[in-house]
Amino acid sequence: MKRMVYIIPVLIVAVIGLLSSIFIVDERQRALVLQFGQIRQVIEEPGLNFKIPIVQQVVYYDDRILSLDTAAIEVTPSDDRRLVVDAFARYRINDVEQFRRAVGVGGMRLAEERLEGILNPQIRAVLGSEGVTSNTILSADRAQLMARITTQARARALSLGLEVLDVRLKQTNLPTQNLDATFSRMRAEREREATDERARGEEAALRVRAQADRTVVELVSEANREAEIIRGEADAERNRIFAEAFGQDPEFFEFYRSMTAYERALRQQNSTMVISPDGEFFEYLGGSRGTLLPPAQE
């Protein structure tokens, strides 16, 4: 019984020691075994591993491809047209031992700060190099510039134990002050084009209206001329007919003329007419030649 009292604590301590000496590295990780801050073992393969309890500790690092978004920086291409670029990089920890020596206990935060310190100068150097204009940066040739940045950044990131896989630009904008000036120039240019278009449209409209007015005047003049000709021919024909009628029966012609005058003079609108019944106007209504009125009673 007394032996069991001593054996059980020993077994418990042994089990705890065994469990604390076992650690697992999965396929997404790499690990370093440290002893008093010194690297004792590098674990690059996934699986079950052992360490000395209490004396040694395990530090895990991500073995996947990581992403870093850099802060927006201002670059000046060879055409002196400043741009604000925002880039991102894909990288991975290539050498965990070198990575540990480079960043120490700062870990990924310090590593990303140093990597960004490598990327930004390379971006400025490549995008500001001779022959690189803002149009080049905004064209399909940008892929070649990104390849140059990636190559140069990769060489410098090896000292951190990192492998830069790719660098890309997310956004390329003008600085705020330049952007406002550019928008103002664009607005002024569009307003000028709009004014030119309106002027050309008004000029074309004036030409069309002038042509239409000229056509109207010509058509009206031609119509009036033809109407006057027809009216003159009709008057001539009418006078000819009247002349023939007058020549055939002068008395009937005078009678017809008088009847027409009566019809025009004795309309409803003329309510009052003061005239002598013995005048020549009523010759055919009651004169010596007329028979339409009864003779006057004495």
C-alpha atoms as a PDB file:
ATOM      1  CA  MET A   1       0.000   0.000   0.000  1.00  0.00           C
ATOM      2  CA  LYS A   2       2.804   2.331   0.869  1.00  0.00           C
ATOM      3  CA  ARG A   3       4.439   1.513  -2.446  1.00  0.00           C
ATOM      4  CA  MET A   4       1.286   2.523  -4.316  1.00  0.00           C
ATOM      5  CA  VAL A   5       1.355   5.890  -2.605  1.00  0.00           C
ATOM      6  CA  TYR A   6       4.752   6.577  -4.159  1.00  0.00           C
ATOM      7  CA  ILE A   7       4.179   4.838  -7.485  1.00  0.00           C
ATOM      8  CA  ILE A   8       1.027   6.738  -8.447  1.00  0.00           C
ATOM      9  CA  PRO A   9       2.605  10.235  -8.246  1.00  0.00           C
ATOM     10  CA  VAL A  10       5.614   8.953 -10.153  1.00  0.00           C
ATOM     11  CA  LEU A  11       3.378   7.558 -12.865  1.00  0.00           C
ATOM     12  CA  ILE A  12       1.412  10.790 -13.036  1.00  0.00           C
ATOM     13  CA  VAL A  13       4.591  12.821 -13.373  1.00  0.00           C
ATOM     14  CA  ALA A  14       5.868  10.386 -16.008  1.00  0.00           C
ATOM     15  CA  VAL A  15       2.654  10.643 -18.009  1.00  0.00           C
ATOM     16  CA  ILE A  16       2.669  14.437 -17.793  1.00  0.00           C
ATOM     17  CA  GLY A  17       6.310  14.505 -18.826  1.00  0.00           C
ATOM     18  CA  LEU A  18       5.638  12.178 -21.744  1.00  0.00           C
ATOM     19  CA  LEU A  19       2.668  14.198 -22.942  1.00  0.00           C
ATOM     20  CA  SER A  20       4.566  17.474 -22.621  1.00  0.00           C
ATOM     21  CA  SER A  21       7.412  16.060 -24.657  1.00  0.00           C
ATOM     22  CA  ILE A  22       5.153  15.178 -27.602  1.00  0.00           C
ATOM     23  CA  PHE A  23       4.157  17.785 -30.177  1.00  0.00           C
ATOM     24  CA  ILE A  24       2.511  17.536 -33.581  1.00  0.00           C
ATOM     25  CA  VAL A  25       3.396  19.532 -36.700  1.00  0.00           C
ATOM     26  CA  ASP A  26       0.639  19.455 -39.312  1.00  0.00           C
ATOM     27  CA  GLU A  27       1.062  19.850 -43.069  1.00  0.00           C
ATOM     28  CA  ARG A  28       0.456  23.625 -42.974  1.00  0.00           C
ATOM     29  CA  GLN A  29       3.268  24.345 -40.541  1.00  0.00           C
ATOM     30  CA  ARG A  30       6.961  24.228 -39.877  1.00  0.00           C
ATOM     31  CA  ALA A  31       8.452  24.228 -36.383  1.00  0.00           C
ATOM     32  CA  LEU A  32      11.593  25.127 -34.489  1.00  0.00           C
ATOM     33  CA  VAL A  33      12.655  23.436 -31.283  1.00  0.00           C
ATOM     34  CA  LEU A  34      14.340  26.013 -29.045  1.00  0.00           C
ATOM     35  CA  GLN A  35      16.412  25.367 -25.973  1.00  0.00           C
ATOM     36  CA  PHE A  36      17.039  28.458 -23.879  1.00  0.00           C
ATOM     37  CA  GLY A  37      16.422  30.565 -26.978  1.00  0.00           C
ATOM     38  CA  GLN A  38      18.831  28.600 -29.164  1.00  0.00           C
ATOM     39  CA  ILE A  39      17.689  26.600 -32.163  1.00  0.00           C
ATOM     40  CA  ARG A  40      18.140  22.903 -31.563  1.00  0.00           C
ATOM     41  CA  GLN A  41      16.013  21.337 -34.269  1.00  0.00           C
ATOM     42  CA  VAL A  42      14.156  22.370 -37.438  1.00  0.00           C
ATOM     43  CA  ILE A  43      10.978  20.395 -38.160  1.00  0.00           C
ATOM     44  CA  GLU A  44       9.927  20.757 -41.808  1.00  0.00           C
ATOM     45  CA  GLU A  45       7.906  17.559 -42.236  1.00  0.00           C
ATOM     46  CA  PRO A  46       4.470  17.046 -40.684  1.00  0.00           C
ATOM     47  CA  GLY A  47       4.062  14.373 -38.047  1.00  0.00           C
ATOM     48  CA  LEU A  48       4.622  13.450 -34.411  1.00  0.00           C
ATOM     49  CA  ASN A  49       7.795  14.735 -32.747  1.00  0.00           C
ATOM     50  CA  PHE A  50       9.434  14.840 -29.317  1.00  0.00           C
ATOM     51  CA  LYS A  51      11.180  17.457 -27.235  1.00  0.00           C
ATOM     52  CA  ILE A  52      12.636  17.727 -23.756  1.00  0.00           C
ATOM     53  CA  PRO A  53       9.908  18.974 -21.424  1.00  0.00           C
ATOM     54  CA  ILE A  54      10.390  22.331 -19.722  1.00  0.00           C
ATOM     55  CA  VAL A  55      13.873  22.746 -21.170  1.00  0.00           C
ATOM     56  CA  GLN A  56      12.802  22.945 -24.785  1.00  0.00           C
ATOM     57  CA  GLN A  57       9.921  24.784 -26.423  1.00  0.00           C
ATOM     58  CA  VAL A  58       8.391  24.626 -29.891  1.00  0.00           C
ATOM     59  CA  VAL A  59       7.694  27.646 -32.129  1.00  0.00           C
ATOM     60  CA  TYR A  60       5.366  27.098 -35.081  1.00  0.00           C
ATOM     61  CA  TYR A  61       5.484  29.008 -38.389  1.00  0.00           C
ATOM     62  CA  ASP A  62       2.964  29.040 -41.210  1.00  0.00           C
ATOM     63  CA  ASP A  63       4.156  27.107 -44.256  1.00  0.00           C
ATOM     64  CA  ARG A  64       1.390  28.418 -46.569  1.00  0.00           C
ATOM     65  CA  ILE A  65       1.591  31.232 -49.106  1.00  0.00           C
ATOM     66  CA  LEU A  66       0.947  34.495 -47.275  1.00  0.00           C
ATOM     67  CA  SER A  67      -0.252  37.878 -48.475  1.00  0.00           C
ATOM     68  CA  LEU A  68       0.984  41.358 -47.610  1.00  0.00           C
ATOM     69  CA  ASP A  69      -0.813  44.558 -48.571  1.00  0.00           C
ATOM     70  CA  THR A  70       1.604  47.459 -48.642  1.00  0.00           C
ATOM     71  CA  ALA A  71       0.689  51.021 -47.799  1.00  0.00           C
ATOM     72  CA  ALA A  72      -0.023  53.358 -50.720  1.00  0.00           C
ATOM     73  CA  ILE A  73       3.121  55.173 -51.858  1.00  0.00           C
ATOM     74  CA  GLU A  74       3.763  57.971 -54.342  1.00  0.00           C
ATOM     75  CA  VAL A  75       6.033  57.316 -57.323  1.00  0.00           C
ATOM     76  CA  THR A  76       7.314  59.655 -60.026  1.00  0.00           C
ATOM     77  CA  PRO A  77       7.767  58.066 -63.473  1.00  0.00           C
ATOM     78  CA  SER A  78      10.130  59.501 -66.073  1.00  0.00           C
ATOM     79  CA  ASP A  79       7.395  61.768 -67.488  1.00  0.00           C
ATOM     80  CA  ASP A  80       7.118  63.507 -64.064  1.00  0.00           C
ATOM     81  CA  ARG A  81       3.463  62.590 -63.763  1.00  0.00           C
ATOM     82  CA  ARG A  82       3.192  61.509 -60.141  1.00  0.00           C
ATOM     83  CA  LEU A  83       1.120  58.447 -59.273  1.00  0.00           C
ATOM     84  CA  VAL A  84      -0.072  56.837 -56.052  1.00  0.00           C
ATOM     85  CA  VAL A  85       0.289  53.054 -56.216  1.00  0.00           C
ATOM     86  CA  ASP A  86      -1.038  50.420 -53.856  1.00  0.00           C
ATOM     87  CA  ALA A  87       0.656  47.013 -54.128  1.00  0.00           C
ATOM     88  CA  PHE A  88       0.394  43.572 -52.590  1.00  0.00           C
ATOM     89  CA  ALA A  89       2.854  40.681 -52.413  1.00  0.00           C
ATOM     90  CA  ARG A  90       2.596  36.915 -52.137  1.00  0.00           C
ATOM     91  CA  TYR A  91       5.334  35.303 -50.100  1.00  0.00           C
ATOM     92  CA  ARG A  92       6.163  32.350 -47.906  1.00  0.00           C
ATOM     93  CA  ILE A  93       8.653  31.489 -45.176  1.00  0.00           C
ATOM     94  CA  ASN A  94      11.374  29.647 -47.065  1.00  0.00           C
ATOM     95  CA  ASP A  95      13.955  29.193 -44.280  1.00  0.00           C
ATOM     96  CA  VAL A  96      12.470  29.096 -40.785  1.00  0.00           C
ATOM     97  CA  GLU A  97      15.909  29.050 -39.142  1.00  0.00           C
ATOM     98  CA  GLN A  98      17.021  32.176 -41.026  1.00  0.00           C
ATOM     99  CA  PHE A  99      13.594  33.721 -40.382  1.00  0.00           C
ATOM    100  CA  ARG A 100      13.980  33.155 -36.622  1.00  0.00           C
ATOM    101  CA  ARG A 101      17.450  34.700 -36.591  1.00  0.00           C
ATOM    102  CA  ALA A 102      16.263  37.702 -38.654  1.00  0.00           C
ATOM    103  CA  VAL A 103      13.105  38.637 -36.770  1.00  0.00           C
ATOM    104  CA  GLY A 104      13.669  36.984 -33.374  1.00  0.00           C
ATOM    105  CA  VAL A 105      10.650  37.126 -31.117  1.00  0.00           C
ATOM    106  CA  GLY A 106       9.077  39.860 -33.298  1.00  0.00           C
ATOM    107  CA  GLY A 107       7.427  37.156 -35.382  1.00  0.00           C
ATOM    108  CA  MET A 108       5.270  37.866 -38.423  1.00  0.00           C
ATOM    109  CA  ARG A 109       4.521  41.481 -37.499  1.00  0.00           C
ATOM    110  CA  LEU A 110       8.181  42.450 -37.600  1.00  0.00           C
ATOM    111  CA  ALA A 111       8.769  40.289 -40.687  1.00  0.00           C
ATOM    112  CA  GLU A 112       5.993  42.064 -42.640  1.00  0.00           C
ATOM    113  CA  GLU A 113       7.314  45.473 -41.609  1.00  0.00           C
ATOM    114  CA  ARG A 114      10.774  44.568 -42.902  1.00  0.00           C
ATOM    115  CA  LEU A 115       9.359  43.009 -46.070  1.00  0.00           C
ATOM    116  CA  GLU A 116       7.351  46.155 -46.747  1.00  0.00           C
ATOM    117  CA  GLY A 117      10.555  48.119 -46.211  1.00  0.00           C
ATOM    118  CA  ILE A 118      12.083  46.028 -49.005  1.00  0.00           C
ATOM    119  CA  LEU A 119       9.107  46.224 -51.399  1.00  0.00           C
ATOM    120  CA  ASN A 120       8.430  49.976 -51.301  1.00  0.00           C
ATOM    121  CA  PRO A 121      11.962  51.068 -52.360  1.00  0.00           C
ATOM    122  CA  GLN A 122      11.939  48.483 -55.150  1.00  0.00           C
ATOM    123  CA  ILE A 123       8.565  49.722 -56.384  1.00  0.00           C
ATOM    124  CA  ARG A 124       9.815  53.314 -56.404  1.00  0.00           C
ATOM    125  CA  ALA A 125      13.083  52.327 -58.093  1.00  0.00           C
ATOM    126  CA  VAL A 126      11.486  50.296 -60.891  1.00  0.00           C
ATOM    127  CA  LEU A 127       8.495  52.568 -61.576  1.00  0.00           C
ATOM    128  CA  GLY A 128      10.728  55.644 -61.460  1.00  0.00           C
ATOM    129  CA  SER A 129      13.470  54.222 -63.684  1.00  0.00           C
ATOM    130  CA  GLU A 130      14.381  55.735 -67.030  1.00  0.00           C
ATOM    131  CA  GLY A 131      12.000  54.934 -69.845  1.00  0.00           C
ATOM    132  CA  VAL A 132       9.083  54.087 -67.561  1.00  0.00           C
ATOM    133  CA  THR A 133       6.237  56.544 -68.039  1.00  0.00           C
ATOM    134  CA  SER A 134       2.818  56.734 -66.464  1.00  0.00           C
ATOM    135  CA  ASN A 135       1.353  55.290 -69.657  1.00  0.00           C
ATOM    136  CA  THR A 136       3.690  52.301 -69.351  1.00  0.00           C
ATOM    137  CA  ILE A 137       2.539  51.706 -65.780  1.00  0.00           C
ATOM    138  CA  LEU A 138      -1.113  51.857 -66.851  1.00  0.00           C
ATOM    139  CA  SER A 139      -0.653  49.645 -69.918  1.00  0.00           C
ATOM    140  CA  ALA A 140      -0.153  45.903 -70.413  1.00  0.00           C
ATOM    141  CA  ASP A 141       3.614  46.447 -70.036  1.00  0.00           C
ATOM    142  CA  ARG A 142       3.027  46.752 -66.295  1.00  0.00           C
ATOM    143  CA  ALA A 143       3.431  42.952 -66.017  1.00  0.00           C
ATOM    144  CA  GLN A 144       7.096  43.255 -66.995  1.00  0.00           C
ATOM    145  CA  LEU A 145       7.606  45.975 -64.380  1.00  0.00           C
ATOM    146  CA  MET A 146       5.994  43.766 -61.728  1.00  0.00           C
ATOM    147  CA  ALA A 147       8.318  40.905 -62.720  1.00  0.00           C
ATOM    148  CA  ARG A 148      11.335  43.192 -62.230  1.00  0.00           C
ATOM    149  CA  ILE A 149      10.074  44.282 -58.816  1.00  0.00           C
ATOM    150  CA  THR A 150       9.463  40.668 -57.822  1.00  0.00           C
ATOM    151  CA  THR A 151      12.966  39.586 -58.872  1.00  0.00           C
ATOM    152  CA  GLN A 152      14.712  42.382 -57.006  1.00  0.00           C
ATOM    153  CA  ALA A 153      12.542  42.023 -53.888  1.00  0.00           C
ATOM    154  CA  ARG A 154      13.068  38.250 -53.848  1.00  0.00           C
ATOM    155  CA  ALA A 155      16.859  38.650 -53.752  1.00  0.00           C
ATOM    156  CA  ARG A 156      16.676  41.055 -50.809  1.00  0.00           C
ATOM    157  CA  ALA A 157      14.047  39.097 -48.878  1.00  0.00           C
ATOM    158  CA  LEU A 158      16.246  35.991 -48.673  1.00  0.00           C
ATOM    159  CA  SER A 159      18.069  37.585 -45.742  1.00  0.00           C
ATOM    160  CA  LEU A 160      14.770  37.409 -43.848  1.00  0.00           C
ATOM    161  CA  GLY A 161      14.239  33.756 -44.712  1.00  0.00           C
ATOM    162  CA  LEU A 162      11.342  34.761 -46.967  1.00  0.00           C
ATOM    163  CA  GLU A 163      10.639  33.922 -50.594  1.00  0.00           C
ATOM    164  CA  VAL A 164       8.732  36.591 -52.527  1.00  0.00           C
ATOM    165  CA  LEU A 165       6.570  34.799 -55.071  1.00  0.00           C
ATOM    166  CA  ASP A 166       4.805  37.705 -56.758  1.00  0.00           C
ATOM    167  CA  VAL A 167       4.245  41.452 -56.490  1.00  0.00           C
ATOM    168  CA  ARG A 168       1.243  43.156 -58.067  1.00  0.00           C
ATOM    169  CA  LEU A 169      -0.298  46.620 -58.137  1.00  0.00           C
ATOM    170  CA  LYS A 170      -3.836  46.793 -56.795  1.00  0.00           C
ATOM    171  CA  GLN A 171      -4.540  50.416 -57.636  1.00  0.00           C
ATOM    172  CA  THR A 172      -2.849  53.206 -59.540  1.00  0.00           C
ATOM    173  CA  ASN A 173      -4.264  56.668 -58.931  1.00  0.00           C
ATOM    174  CA  LEU A 174      -3.257  60.263 -59.241  1.00  0.00           C
ATOM    175  CA  PRO A 175      -2.510  62.262 -56.077  1.00  0.00           C
ATOM    176  CA  THR A 176      -5.501  64.116 -54.733  1.00  0.00           C
ATOM    177  CA  GLN A 177      -4.311  67.545 -55.874  1.00  0.00           C
ATOM    178  CA  ASN A 178      -3.403  66.209 -59.311  1.00  0.00           C
ATOM    179  CA  LEU A 179      -6.674  64.331 -59.504  1.00  0.00           C
ATOM    180  CA  ASP A 180      -8.670  67.517 -58.896  1.00  0.00           C
ATOM    181  CA  ALA A 181      -6.640  69.369 -61.527  1.00  0.00           C
ATOM    182  CA  THR A 182      -7.098  66.510 -63.990  1.00  0.00           C
ATOM    183  CA  PHE A 183     -10.844  66.439 -63.415  1.00  0.00           C
ATOM    184  CA  SER A 184     -10.966  70.203 -63.926  1.00  0.00           C
ATOM    185  CA  ARG A 185      -9.066  69.899 -67.217  1.00  0.00           C
ATOM    186  CA  MET A 186     -11.296  67.047 -68.329  1.00  0.00           C
ATOM    187  CA  ARG A 187     -14.400  69.022 -67.407  1.00  0.00           C
ATOM    188  CA  ALA A 188     -13.127  72.102 -69.272  1.00  0.00           C
ATOM    189  CA  GLU A 189     -12.246  69.973 -72.303  1.00  0.00           C
ATOM    190  CA  ARG A 190     -15.679  68.343 -72.354  1.00  0.00           C
ATOM    191  CA  GLU A 191     -17.370  71.727 -71.965  1.00  0.00           C
ATOM    192  CA  ARG A 192     -15.308  73.069 -74.867  1.00  0.00           C
ATOM    193  CA  GLU A 193     -16.255  70.093 -77.009  1.00  0.00           C
ATOM    194  CA  ALA A 194     -19.903  70.535 -76.037  1.00  0.00           C
ATOM    195  CA  THR A 195     -19.740  74.240 -76.966  1.00  0.00           C
ATOM    196  CA  ASP A 196     -18.165  73.364 -80.321  1.00  0.00           C
ATOM    197  CA  GLU A 197     -20.834  70.752 -80.964  1.00  0.00           C
ATOM    198  CA  ARG A 198     -23.609  73.196 -80.081  1.00  0.00           C
ATOM    199  CA  ALA A 199     -22.050  75.849 -82.326  1.00  0.00           C
ATOM    200  CA  ARG A 200     -21.804  73.383 -85.221  1.00  0.00           C
ATOM    201  CA  GLY A 201     -25.376  72.286 -84.582  1.00  0.00           C
ATOM    202  CA  GLU A 202     -26.648  75.874 -84.534  1.00  0.00           C
ATOM    203  CA  GLU A 203     -24.709  76.604 -87.727  1.00  0.00           C
ATOM    204  CA  ALA A 204     -26.241  73.566 -89.420  1.00  0.00           C
ATOM    205  CA  ALA A 205     -29.690  74.553 -88.123  1.00  0.00           C
ATOM    206  CA  LEU A 206     -29.271  78.076 -89.523  1.00  0.00           C
ATOM    207  CA  ARG A 207     -28.292  76.647 -92.903  1.00  0.00           C
ATOM    208  CA  VAL A 208     -31.306  74.347 -92.903  1.00  0.00           C
ATOM    209  CA  ARG A 209     -33.671  77.136 -91.833  1.00  0.00           C
ATOM    210  CA  ALA A 210     -32.226  79.518 -94.428  1.00  0.00           C
ATOM    211  CA  GLN A 211     -32.600  76.877 -97.134  1.00  0.00           C
ATOM    212  CA  ALA A 212     -36.148  76.146 -95.965  1.00  0.00           C
ATOM    213  CA  ASP A 213     -37.055  79.865 -95.922  1.00  0.00           C
ATOM    214  CA  ARG A 214     -35.552  80.283 -99.392  1.00  0.00           C
ATOM    215  CA  THR A 215     -37.512  77.294-100.652  1.00  0.00           C
ATOM    216  CA  VAL A 216     -40.715  78.685 -99.100  1.00  0.00           C
ATOM    217  CA  VAL A 217     -40.152  82.074-100.725  1.00  0.00           C
ATOM    218  CA  GLU A 218     -39.423  80.472-104.088  1.00  0.00           C
ATOM    219  CA  LEU A 219     -42.484  78.205-103.865  1.00  0.00           C
ATOM    220  CA  VAL A 220     -44.764  81.043-102.757  1.00  0.00           C
ATOM    221  CA  SER A 221     -43.404  83.335-105.448  1.00  0.00           C
ATOM    222  CA  GLU A 222     -43.837  80.657-108.087  1.00  0.00           C
ATOM    223  CA  ALA A 223     -47.347  79.918-106.827  1.00  0.00           C
ATOM    224  CA  ASN A 224     -48.271  83.626-106.813  1.00  0.00           C
ATOM    225  CA  ARG A 225     -46.864  84.020-110.318  1.00  0.00           C
ATOM    226  CA  GLU A 226     -48.847  81.063-111.599  1.00  0.00           C
ATOM    227  CA  ALA A 227     -51.922  82.305-109.730  1.00  0.00           C
ATOM    228  CA  GLU A 228     -51.585  85.780-111.294  1.00  0.00           C
ATOM    229  CA  ILE A 229     -51.166  84.209-114.716  1.00  0.00           C
ATOM    230  CA  ILE A 230     -54.226  82.014-114.223  1.00  0.00           C
ATOM    231  CA  ARG A 231     -56.185  84.937-112.748  1.00  0.00           C
ATOM    232  CA  GLY A 232     -55.191  87.134-115.686  1.00  0.00           C
ATOM    233  CA  GLU A 233     -56.148  84.439-118.177  1.00  0.00           C
ATOM    234  CA  ALA A 234     -59.463  83.953-116.358  1.00  0.00           C
ATOM    235  CA  ASP A 235     -60.163  87.712-116.360  1.00  0.00           C
ATOM    236  CA  ALA A 236     -59.303  87.866-120.033  1.00  0.00           C
ATOM    237  CA  GLU A 237     -61.600  84.928-120.742  1.00  0.00           C
ATOM    238  CA  ARG A 238     -64.333  86.498-118.640  1.00  0.00           C
ATOM    239  CA  ASN A 239     -63.986  89.835-120.462  1.00  0.00           C
ATOM    240  CA  ARG A 240     -64.014  88.028-123.772  1.00  0.00           C
ATOM    241  CA  ILE A 241     -67.205  86.216-122.855  1.00  0.00           C
ATOM    242  CA  PHE A 242     -68.765  89.450-121.599  1.00  0.00           C
ATOM    243  CA  ALA A 243     -67.714  91.248-124.762  1.00  0.00           C
ATOM    244  CA  GLU A 244     -69.228  88.535-126.935  1.00  0.00           C
ATOM    245  CA  ALA A 245     -72.406  88.569-124.872  1.00  0.00           C
ATOM    246  CA  PHE A 246     -72.545  92.381-125.000  1.00  0.00           C
ATOM    247  CA  GLY A 247     -72.075  92.267-128.749  1.00  0.00           C
ATOM    248  CA  GLN A 248     -74.874  89.735-129.209  1.00  0.00           C
ATOM    249  CA  ASP A 249     -77.476  91.486-126.976  1.00  0.00           C
ATOM    250  CA  PRO A 250     -76.408  94.821-125.462  1.00  0.00           C
ATOM    251  CA  GLU A 251     -79.756  95.319-123.721  1.00  0.00           C
ATOM    252  CA  PHE A 252     -79.590  91.901-121.958  1.00  0.00           C
ATOM    253  CA  PHE A 253     -76.022  92.649-120.926  1.00  0.00           C
ATOM    254  CA  GLU A 254     -77.091  95.941-119.344  1.00  0.00           C
ATOM    255  CA  PHE A 255     -79.954  94.107-117.633  1.00  0.00           C
ATOM    256  CA  TYR A 256     -77.557  91.451-116.250  1.00  0.00           C
ATOM    257  CA  ARG A 257     -75.198  94.137-115.012  1.00  0.00           C
ATOM    258  CA  SER A 258     -78.048  95.894-113.231  1.00  0.00           C
ATOM    259  CA  MET A 259     -79.261  92.680-111.586  1.00  0.00           C
ATOM    260  CA  THR A 260     -75.764  91.985-110.332  1.00  0.00           C
ATOM    261  CA  ALA A 261     -75.549  95.499-108.915  1.00  0.00           C
ATOM    262  CA  TYR A 262     -78.941  95.068-107.196  1.00  0.00           C
ATOM    263  CA  GLU A 263     -77.768  91.768-105.642  1.00  0.00           C
ATOM    264  CA  ARG A 264     -74.599  93.338-104.255  1.00  0.00           C
ATOM    265  CA  ALA A 265     -76.269  96.566-103.066  1.00  0.00           C
ATOM    266  CA  LEU A 266     -79.452  95.179-101.546  1.00  0.00           C
ATOM    267  CA  ARG A 267     -77.962  92.729 -99.061  1.00  0.00           C
ATOM    268  CA  GLN A 268     -79.100  92.201 -95.460  1.00  0.00           C
ATOM    269  CA  GLN A 269     -76.111  94.063 -94.078  1.00  0.00           C
ATOM    270  CA  ASN A 270     -77.236  97.273 -95.827  1.00  0.00           C
ATOM    271  CA  SER A 271     -80.216  98.145 -93.664  1.00  0.00           C
ATOM    272  CA  THR A 272     -80.807 101.654 -95.002  1.00  0.00           C
ATOM    273  CA  MET A 273     -80.432 103.150 -98.470  1.00  0.00           C
ATOM    274  CA  VAL A 274     -81.507 106.681 -99.384  1.00  0.00           C
ATOM    275  CA  ILE A 275     -81.798 107.092-103.174  1.00  0.00           C
ATOM    276  CA  SER A 276     -84.295 108.496-105.633  1.00  0.00           C
ATOM    277  CA  PRO A 277     -86.503 105.831-107.257  1.00  0.00           C
ATOM    278  CA  ASP A 278     -86.277 107.807-110.510  1.00  0.00           C
ATOM    279  CA  GLY A 279     -82.487 107.403-110.685  1.00  0.00           C
ATOM    280  CA  GLU A 280     -80.712 105.341-113.277  1.00  0.00           C
ATOM    281  CA  PHE A 281     -79.840 102.724-110.673  1.00  0.00           C
ATOM    282  CA  PHE A 282     -83.479 101.508-110.578  1.00  0.00           C
ATOM    283  CA  GLU A 283     -83.921 101.757-114.306  1.00  0.00           C
ATOM    284  CA  TYR A 284     -84.928  98.102-114.608  1.00  0.00           C
ATOM    285  CA  LEU A 285     -87.055  98.178-111.442  1.00  0.00           C
ATOM    286  CA  GLY A 286     -89.551 100.806-112.476  1.00  0.00           C
ATOM    287  CA  GLY A 287     -88.374 102.967-115.397  1.00  0.00           C
ATOM    288  CA  SER A 288     -89.672 103.310-118.896  1.00  0.00           C
ATOM    289  CA  ARG A 289     -87.597 100.275-119.930  1.00  0.00           C
ATOM    290  CA  GLY A 290     -88.350  98.178-116.855  1.00  0.00           C
ATOM    291  CA  THR A 291     -91.370  95.970-116.227  1.00  0.00           C
ATOM    292  CA  LEU A 292     -90.478  94.589-112.803  1.00  0.00           C
ATOM    293  CA  LEU A 293     -92.350  97.316-110.820  1.00  0.00           C
ATOM    294  CA  PRO A 294     -95.975  98.370-111.379  1.00  0.00           C
ATOM    295  CA  PRO A 295     -96.494 101.911-112.755  1.00  0.00           C
ATOM    296  CA  ALA A 296     -96.800 104.636-110.165  1.00  0.00           C
ATOM    297  CA  GLN A 297    -100.394 105.625-109.175  1.00  0.00           C
ATOM    298  CA  GLU A 298    -101.329 109.244-109.528  1.00  0.00           C
END
